[in-house]
Protein backbone atom coordinates (compact mmCIF):
# COMPACT_ATOMS: atom_id res chain seq x y z
CA MET A 1 -1.93 -24.88 -5.85
CA ALA A 2 0.01 -21.78 -4.53
CA LEU A 3 -1.41 -18.73 -5.19
CA ILE A 4 -0.50 -16.60 -7.86
CA VAL A 5 -0.12 -12.51 -7.45
CA TYR A 6 0.20 -10.38 -10.77
CA GLY A 7 1.47 -6.68 -9.74
CA HIS A 8 4.66 -5.29 -9.29
CA PRO A 9 7.13 -5.06 -6.14
CA PHE A 10 7.74 -1.43 -6.08
CA SER A 11 3.54 -0.69 -6.64
CA SER A 12 2.02 0.07 -3.15
CA TYR A 13 -1.05 -1.78 -3.55
CA THR A 14 1.02 -4.65 -4.40
CA GLN A 15 2.85 -4.21 -1.28
CA LYS A 16 -0.67 -3.66 0.80
CA VAL A 17 -1.33 -6.92 -0.32
CA LEU A 18 2.24 -8.82 -0.42
CA ILE A 19 2.36 -7.17 3.81
CA ALA A 20 -1.06 -9.04 4.41
CA LEU A 21 0.65 -12.52 2.52
CA HIS A 22 3.89 -12.30 4.76
CA GLU A 23 1.97 -11.79 7.95
CA ASN A 24 0.93 -15.51 7.86
CA ALA A 25 3.37 -16.85 6.30
CA THR A 26 0.98 -17.69 3.36
CA PRO A 27 2.93 -19.07 0.25
CA TYR A 28 2.77 -17.55 -3.05
CA GLU A 29 4.54 -16.37 -6.31
CA LEU A 30 4.85 -12.98 -7.76
CA ARG A 31 4.33 -12.59 -11.13
CA SER A 32 5.71 -9.26 -12.14
CA ILE A 33 4.43 -6.81 -14.30
CA GLY A 34 6.81 -5.22 -16.80
CA PRO A 35 7.82 -4.38 -20.54
CA ASP A 36 10.39 -7.31 -20.01
CA ALA A 37 7.89 -9.62 -19.11
CA PRO A 38 5.00 -9.61 -22.17
CA LYS A 39 3.60 -13.06 -21.39
CA VAL A 40 2.99 -12.31 -17.90
CA VAL A 41 1.65 -8.97 -18.97
CA GLY A 42 -0.91 -10.98 -21.56
CA GLU A 43 -2.08 -13.27 -18.55
CA TRP A 44 -2.83 -10.46 -16.25
CA LEU A 45 -4.71 -8.02 -18.60
CA ALA A 46 -6.71 -11.64 -20.13
CA ARG A 47 -7.47 -11.53 -16.29
CA TRP A 48 -8.40 -7.74 -15.35
CA PRO A 49 -8.40 -5.76 -19.00
CA LEU A 50 -8.68 -2.57 -16.57
CA ALA A 51 -5.31 -2.68 -16.50
CA LEU A 52 -4.90 -2.48 -12.46
CA PHE A 53 -3.24 -4.71 -10.20
CA PRO A 54 -2.51 -6.07 -7.82
CA VAL A 55 -4.13 -9.37 -9.07
CA LEU A 56 -4.84 -12.59 -7.10
CA VAL A 57 -4.99 -15.90 -8.49
CA ASP A 58 -6.38 -18.38 -6.47
CA GLY A 59 -7.08 -21.81 -7.76
CA ASP A 60 -9.91 -20.79 -10.58
CA THR A 61 -10.84 -17.25 -9.04
CA THR A 62 -9.66 -14.30 -9.52
CA VAL A 63 -9.56 -11.61 -6.93
CA VAL A 64 -9.11 -7.98 -7.80
CA GLU A 65 -8.50 -4.76 -5.40
CA SER A 66 -6.05 -5.14 -2.64
CA SER A 67 -8.68 -4.51 0.10
CA ILE A 68 -10.93 -7.31 -1.52
CA ILE A 69 -7.67 -9.66 -2.13
CA ILE A 70 -6.60 -9.36 1.69
CA GLU A 71 -10.68 -10.30 2.65
CA HIS A 72 -10.42 -13.23 0.43
CA LEU A 73 -7.26 -14.32 1.97
CA GLN A 74 -8.70 -14.00 5.40
CA ILE A 75 -12.13 -16.09 4.60
CA HIS A 76 -9.90 -18.55 1.92
CA HIS A 77 -6.59 -18.79 3.80
CA PRO A 78 -6.48 -17.48 7.20
CA GLY A 79 -3.98 -17.81 9.35
CA PRO A 80 -2.97 -16.74 13.22
CA VAL A 81 -2.99 -12.90 12.06
CA ARG A 82 -6.58 -11.91 11.56
CA LEU A 83 -6.43 -8.53 9.77
CA LEU A 84 -10.03 -7.75 9.87
CA PRO A 85 -12.32 -8.51 12.96
CA ASP A 86 -14.82 -10.92 12.85
CA ASP A 87 -17.43 -8.63 14.79
CA ALA A 88 -19.13 -6.87 11.90
CA ALA A 89 -19.29 -3.77 14.35
CA ALA A 90 -15.24 -3.77 15.12
CA ALA A 91 -14.36 -4.61 11.49
CA LEU A 92 -15.92 -0.79 10.50
CA PRO A 93 -13.08 1.33 11.86
CA VAL A 94 -10.87 -0.80 10.27
CA ARG A 95 -12.49 -0.53 7.16
CA PHE A 96 -12.65 2.70 7.46
CA LEU A 97 -8.98 3.54 8.10
CA ASP A 98 -7.97 1.48 5.25
CA ARG A 99 -9.88 3.97 2.71
CA PHE A 100 -8.32 6.96 4.43
CA PHE A 101 -5.02 5.90 3.96
CA ASP A 102 -5.52 4.54 0.20
CA LEU A 103 -7.61 7.33 -0.75
CA HIS A 104 -6.85 10.60 0.92
CA VAL A 105 -3.03 9.33 1.55
CA MET A 106 -2.19 7.38 -1.54
CA ASP A 107 -4.60 8.79 -3.87
CA PRO A 108 -2.68 12.06 -3.60
CA VAL A 109 0.78 10.62 -3.85
CA GLN A 110 -0.21 8.88 -6.80
CA HIS A 111 -1.66 12.39 -8.24
CA ALA A 112 1.83 14.03 -8.18
CA VAL A 113 3.35 10.63 -9.46
CA ARG A 114 1.41 11.13 -12.44
CA GLY A 115 2.31 14.61 -12.79
CA ALA A 116 6.01 14.40 -12.55
CA MET A 117 5.69 11.51 -15.33
CA THR A 118 4.23 13.39 -17.88
CA GLY A 119 7.81 15.43 -18.14
CA ASP A 120 6.22 18.25 -18.04
CA ALA A 121 7.62 20.75 -15.25
CA THR A 122 4.68 23.00 -14.74
CA LYS A 123 2.35 19.69 -14.56
CA ARG A 124 4.91 18.28 -12.13
CA ASP A 125 4.68 21.40 -10.03
CA GLU A 126 1.08 21.59 -10.12
CA GLY A 127 -0.14 18.06 -9.13
CA LEU A 128 2.71 18.39 -6.46
CA ALA A 129 1.17 21.74 -4.97
CA LEU A 130 -2.13 19.90 -4.96
CA THR A 131 -0.88 17.24 -3.57
CA VAL A 132 1.05 18.72 -0.34
CA GLN A 133 -2.33 20.46 0.36
CA LYS A 134 -4.32 16.84 0.66
CA LEU A 135 -1.16 15.49 2.38
CA ASP A 136 -1.17 18.36 4.78
CA ARG A 137 -5.11 17.56 5.69
CA ALA A 138 -4.60 13.77 6.14
CA TYR A 139 -1.75 13.95 8.22
CA ALA A 140 -2.94 16.57 10.81
CA TRP A 141 -6.16 14.54 10.83
CA ALA A 142 -4.52 11.01 11.14
CA ASP A 143 -1.68 12.18 13.70
CA ALA A 144 -4.88 13.31 16.00
CA GLU A 145 -6.60 10.17 15.31
CA LEU A 146 -3.69 7.65 16.25
CA LYS A 147 -2.52 9.25 19.62
CA GLY A 148 -2.34 6.56 22.17
CA ARG A 149 -2.52 3.54 19.47
CA THR A 150 0.44 1.27 18.45
CA TRP A 151 -1.39 0.18 15.13
CA ALA A 152 -4.07 1.83 13.01
CA ALA A 153 -7.05 0.65 14.42
CA GLY A 154 -5.85 -0.17 18.31
CA ASP A 155 -3.30 -2.80 19.53
CA PRO A 156 -3.71 -5.45 16.58
CA PHE A 157 -2.35 -5.36 13.35
CA THR A 158 -4.76 -5.12 10.66
CA LEU A 159 -6.41 -4.34 7.17
CA ALA A 160 -6.07 -0.66 8.18
CA ASP A 161 -2.17 -1.06 8.50
CA CYS A 162 -1.53 -3.01 5.58
CA ALA A 163 -3.04 -0.09 3.33
CA ALA A 164 -1.36 2.61 5.81
CA ALA A 165 2.44 1.25 5.57
CA PRO A 166 3.12 1.70 1.40
CA SER A 167 1.15 5.12 1.52
CA LEU A 168 2.85 6.59 4.52
CA PHE A 169 6.33 5.24 3.07
CA TYR A 170 5.81 7.16 -0.29
CA ALA A 171 4.16 9.94 1.01
CA ASP A 172 6.55 10.97 3.15
CA TRP A 173 8.91 10.89 0.18
CA THR A 174 6.72 13.02 -1.99
CA HIS A 175 6.19 15.35 1.04
CA PRO A 176 8.03 14.74 4.58
CA ILE A 177 5.84 14.42 7.51
CA PRO A 178 6.06 17.61 9.68
CA ALA A 179 8.38 16.97 12.68
CA GLU A 180 5.40 18.58 14.71
CA PHE A 181 3.44 15.21 13.82
CA THR A 182 5.04 13.23 16.25
CA THR A 183 2.79 10.56 17.14
CA LEU A 184 2.41 9.85 12.90
CA ARG A 185 5.98 9.97 12.26
CA ALA A 186 6.22 7.27 15.00
CA TYR A 187 3.57 5.24 13.64
CA ARG A 188 5.50 5.39 10.08
CA ALA A 189 8.64 4.06 11.78
CA ARG A 190 6.77 1.07 13.39
CA LEU A 191 5.34 0.23 10.59
CA LEU A 192 8.66 0.17 8.85
CA ALA A 193 9.91 -2.05 11.23
CA ARG A 194 7.44 -4.51 11.18
CA PRO A 195 8.76 -7.72 9.42
CA SER A 196 6.31 -8.05 6.77
CA PHE A 197 6.48 -4.59 5.23
CA ALA A 198 10.52 -4.33 5.66
CA ARG A 199 10.46 -7.60 3.35
CA ALA A 200 8.46 -5.62 0.79
CA VAL A 201 10.51 -2.57 1.39
CA GLU A 202 13.85 -4.54 0.74
CA ALA A 203 12.47 -6.60 -2.13
CA ALA A 204 11.87 -3.19 -3.65
CA ARG A 205 14.98 -1.15 -2.52
CA PRO A 206 16.72 -1.79 -6.00
CA LEU A 207 14.09 -0.32 -8.47
CA ARG A 208 14.18 2.89 -6.39
CA HIS A 209 15.24 4.72 -9.44
CA LEU A 210 11.91 4.31 -10.63
CA PHE A 211 10.14 6.78 -8.29
CA PRO A 212 9.87 9.97 -11.09
CA LEU A 213 9.88 12.29 -7.62
CA GLY A 214 13.15 11.50 -6.69
CA ALA A 215 13.62 8.63 -4.12
CA PRO A 216 15.29 10.25 -0.64
CA ASP A 217 18.42 8.58 0.14
CA ARG A 218 16.61 7.14 3.58
CA ASP A 219 14.40 4.35 4.83
């Protein structure tokens, strides 16, 4: 039975999981959540009443939270690309960077997005101002941390890069990475060129009008 992913192609956390699936050419069916798919929405909420996505269905098993889904895939559907080192000590930096990109890059972006979605100009401006402060700190740290590396945790492409790709993609739309952070800008470009992420970006391209802060005409 093919794996089922409940999510949305424009969702950063859905894209994070899709990158992992694409890396190992793991077959899956994406069931897109939206107002035009009430049956899918009902199935999704029945499996995860907290109403968050993505959700992975693997036979009789339901798995939630993007990082846990990717670890589940590595355990139960392994492929040639190992997204988390088998050695527990070596896995810690990967898990840390996964958390960094989710919590300190993507979360601030979502704060700005939520402010814009209210339709209130004051809330939009306040949300964006706080996001800019947080992203500036995160950009500076990441630019220094990633110097000399091809991927987030070193040479192999890992779980951390699955998190970084959509996080930096949408973060740069929200608050462009300053020109002086050449390491971080080059890393984002490599992520966009990675076939597993490029596929997710292309699938979501027709949906860019949904970005409430206004999607730039690039990428």
